Amino acid sequence: MPEQRILLLGVGNLLYADEGVGVHAARHLERNYTFSGNVTLLEGGTRGRLLMGSIADCDRLVVMDAVLGGGPPGALYRLEDDDLRKSLGFHDSQHQVDLVDVLIGCGMMDSRPAAVVLGMEPMDWKSLRLELSPVCAAAFPRFISEILRELAAQGGRAFPREARRPSGEEAPWGDLEKNPAAG
């Protein structure tokens, strides 16, 4: 049996604080990891239907996004099946197109991947701000750990690389290298 093609997809709108947590995760992973050949990392942003080709080309889809699950801000979620609509990407939000509709379209083409959403409860997803809220920034290292755990469970591998951030550049979630929770 061939290796499963895995798409790690970060969605959200960076302009609206915690609503961009999935894109922040994709950027962090791109900067800090390389991946096995069966893994594709994609910053999907708010592209909606334009992601259909990439989604249809994978066997397994792992979406990183903000999730309105009813928990406290910073809570982490793993969603499948009927729970997908709790993800802002699967709910008419700033994403412009409901990603469930994209999955339905993939199914109509007989190319629907198994999908899971890893998400974080936002504190602020409506303010025009590029940084994550302090609560979500504090939960970000756990979010990354859960993404890497899910990737391994799906059959993908991530390999840490040397830190590549130019000195003095601060990430919107703080400096994970100095954060003891990041280990």
Protein backbone atom coordinates (compact mmCIF):
# COMPACT_ATOMS: atom_id res chain seq x y z
CA MET A 1 0.00 0.00 0.00
CA PRO A 2 1.48 3.37 -0.98
CA GLU A 3 2.14 6.05 1.63
CA GLN A 4 -0.85 8.25 2.37
CA ARG A 5 -0.52 11.79 0.98
CA ILE A 6 -1.10 14.20 3.87
CA LEU A 7 -1.99 17.86 3.50
CA LEU A 8 -1.31 20.05 6.55
CA LEU A 9 -3.49 23.07 5.83
CA GLY A 10 -3.36 26.27 7.89
CA VAL A 11 -6.47 28.39 7.37
CA GLY A 12 -7.72 31.64 8.81
CA ASN A 13 -7.40 35.36 8.44
CA LEU A 14 -4.21 36.87 9.87
CA LEU A 15 -5.84 40.29 10.04
CA TYR A 16 -8.25 39.20 12.79
CA ALA A 17 -6.09 38.22 15.77
CA ASP A 18 -6.78 34.61 16.86
CA GLU A 19 -8.73 33.84 13.68
CA GLY A 20 -5.30 33.52 12.05
CA VAL A 21 -3.97 30.83 14.42
CA GLY A 22 -3.99 28.19 11.66
CA VAL A 23 -1.90 30.35 9.34
CA HIS A 24 0.46 31.23 12.20
CA ALA A 25 0.85 27.47 12.82
CA ALA A 26 1.60 26.79 9.14
CA ARG A 27 4.24 29.53 9.10
CA HIS A 28 5.81 28.25 12.32
CA LEU A 29 5.97 24.71 10.96
CA GLU A 30 7.46 25.87 7.65
CA ARG A 31 10.15 27.84 9.45
CA ASN A 32 11.04 25.19 12.02
CA TYR A 33 10.49 21.77 10.39
CA THR A 34 11.00 19.76 7.26
CA PHE A 35 8.64 16.91 6.46
CA SER A 36 8.61 13.41 5.04
CA GLY A 37 7.92 13.19 1.31
CA ASN A 38 4.25 12.29 1.82
CA VAL A 39 3.48 15.57 3.65
CA THR A 40 2.59 18.87 2.02
CA LEU A 41 2.31 22.00 4.17
CA LEU A 42 0.07 24.73 2.78
CA GLU A 43 -0.88 28.15 4.09
CA GLY A 44 -4.46 28.30 2.87
CA GLY A 45 -5.46 31.58 4.49
CA THR A 46 -8.97 32.48 3.34
CA ARG A 47 -8.75 30.98 -0.15
CA GLY A 48 -11.79 28.71 0.24
CA ARG A 49 -12.75 27.11 -3.10
CA LEU A 50 -9.29 27.77 -4.50
CA LEU A 51 -8.04 25.05 -2.14
CA MET A 52 -10.16 22.34 -3.77
CA GLY A 53 -7.37 21.07 -6.05
CA SER A 54 -4.90 20.73 -3.19
CA ILE A 55 -7.49 19.07 -0.95
CA ALA A 56 -8.61 16.68 -3.69
CA ASP A 57 -4.99 15.62 -4.29
CA CYS A 58 -4.44 14.33 -0.74
CA ASP A 59 -5.55 11.17 1.07
CA ARG A 60 -5.58 12.78 4.52
CA LEU A 61 -6.33 16.40 5.38
CA VAL A 62 -5.24 17.99 8.65
CA VAL A 63 -6.68 21.50 8.97
CA MET A 64 -5.22 23.92 11.52
CA ASP A 65 -7.74 26.61 12.45
CA ALA A 66 -9.59 28.59 15.09
CA VAL A 67 -12.50 26.59 16.51
CA LEU A 68 -15.64 27.85 18.24
CA GLY A 69 -16.09 24.85 20.50
CA GLY A 70 -17.52 26.62 23.55
CA GLY A 71 -14.46 26.05 25.73
CA PRO A 72 -12.23 28.65 27.32
CA PRO A 73 -9.95 30.70 25.05
CA GLY A 74 -6.83 28.70 24.23
CA ALA A 75 -8.60 25.33 24.56
CA LEU A 76 -7.45 22.82 21.94
CA TYR A 77 -9.75 20.63 19.86
CA ARG A 78 -9.58 17.68 17.50
CA LEU A 79 -12.67 17.54 15.27
CA GLU A 80 -13.93 15.01 12.76
CA ASP A 81 -17.13 14.35 10.84
CA ASP A 82 -20.17 16.32 12.10
CA ASP A 83 -18.05 18.47 14.43
CA LEU A 84 -16.12 20.02 11.51
CA ARG A 85 -18.48 23.00 11.36
CA LYS A 86 -17.16 24.22 14.74
CA SER A 87 -13.98 25.20 12.91
CA LEU A 88 -14.15 28.75 11.58
CA GLY A 89 -12.88 27.38 8.25
CA PHE A 90 -15.92 25.09 8.12
CA HIS A 91 -18.28 27.86 9.14
CA ASP A 92 -19.09 30.98 7.13
CA SER A 93 -16.61 33.38 8.67
CA GLN A 94 -13.82 35.49 7.25
CA HIS A 95 -12.86 32.39 5.18
CA GLN A 96 -15.52 33.36 2.61
CA VAL A 97 -16.33 29.79 1.64
CA ASP A 98 -17.38 26.97 3.90
CA LEU A 99 -14.69 24.27 3.71
CA VAL A 100 -17.36 21.62 4.18
CA ASP A 101 -18.62 22.70 0.75
CA VAL A 102 -15.10 22.19 -0.60
CA LEU A 103 -15.04 18.67 0.89
CA ILE A 104 -18.48 17.97 -0.61
CA GLY A 105 -17.12 19.11 -3.98
CA CYS A 106 -14.14 16.80 -3.58
CA GLY A 107 -16.54 13.97 -2.77
CA MET A 108 -18.49 14.67 -5.96
CA MET A 109 -15.20 14.24 -7.84
CA ASP A 110 -14.55 11.01 -5.89
CA SER A 111 -11.52 12.68 -4.28
CA ARG A 112 -12.60 13.44 -0.71
CA PRO A 113 -9.79 12.91 1.82
CA ALA A 114 -10.23 11.80 5.41
CA ALA A 115 -10.35 15.12 7.28
CA VAL A 116 -9.53 16.21 10.80
CA VAL A 117 -9.38 19.72 12.24
CA LEU A 118 -6.95 20.66 14.97
CA GLY A 119 -8.06 23.92 16.41
CA MET A 120 -7.82 26.42 19.20
CA GLU A 121 -10.65 28.32 20.87
CA PRO A 122 -10.07 32.00 20.02
CA MET A 123 -10.27 34.77 22.55
CA ASP A 124 -10.51 37.49 19.92
CA TRP A 125 -11.36 36.73 16.30
CA LYS A 126 -13.00 40.04 15.45
CA SER A 127 -10.42 42.73 16.24
CA LEU A 128 -8.20 43.96 13.45
CA ARG A 129 -4.84 42.86 14.89
CA LEU A 130 -2.01 40.76 13.46
CA GLU A 131 -0.92 39.21 16.78
CA LEU A 132 -2.55 36.39 18.67
CA SER A 133 -4.21 37.29 21.96
CA PRO A 134 -2.01 36.64 25.04
CA VAL A 135 -4.10 33.60 25.98
CA CYS A 136 -3.81 32.00 22.54
CA ALA A 137 -0.13 32.92 22.29
CA ALA A 138 0.45 31.06 25.57
CA ALA A 139 -1.42 27.99 24.22
CA PHE A 140 0.41 28.08 20.86
CA PRO A 141 3.29 25.72 21.84
CA ARG A 142 0.75 23.07 22.93
CA PHE A 143 -1.10 23.61 19.64
CA ILE A 144 2.09 22.93 17.67
CA SER A 145 2.77 19.79 19.76
CA GLU A 146 -0.73 18.48 19.04
CA ILE A 147 -0.31 19.16 15.32
CA LEU A 148 2.96 17.22 15.27
CA ARG A 149 1.37 14.37 17.25
CA GLU A 150 -1.54 14.20 14.79
CA LEU A 151 0.81 14.29 11.82
CA ALA A 152 2.70 11.27 13.21
CA ALA A 153 -0.59 9.43 13.87
CA GLN A 154 -1.61 10.06 10.24
CA GLY A 155 1.67 8.58 8.95
CA GLY A 156 3.73 11.73 8.37
CA ARG A 157 6.99 12.81 9.94
CA ALA A 158 8.38 16.20 10.91
CA PHE A 159 12.07 16.88 11.40
CA PRO A 160 13.22 19.92 13.42
CA ARG A 161 15.55 22.28 11.63
CA GLU A 162 17.83 25.00 12.91
CA ALA A 163 16.03 28.16 14.00
CA ARG A 164 15.94 30.45 10.98
CA ARG A 165 14.31 33.58 12.38
CA PRO A 166 16.48 36.66 11.89
CA SER A 167 17.69 38.00 15.21
CA GLY A 168 15.41 40.61 16.67
CA GLU A 169 12.34 39.43 14.76
CA GLU A 170 9.52 38.62 17.18
CA ALA A 171 6.83 36.16 16.14
CA PRO A 172 3.18 37.08 16.80
CA TRP A 173 2.93 34.25 19.37
CA GLY A 174 6.12 35.20 21.21
CA ASP A 175 9.50 33.52 21.18
CA LEU A 176 8.95 29.76 21.44
CA GLU A 177 12.66 29.18 21.86
CA LYS A 178 12.56 31.11 25.16
CA ASN A 179 9.21 29.65 26.26
CA PRO A 180 9.72 26.69 28.58
CA ALA A 181 6.31 25.32 27.57
CA ALA A 182 7.59 24.88 24.01
CA GLY A 183 9.74 21.89 24.92
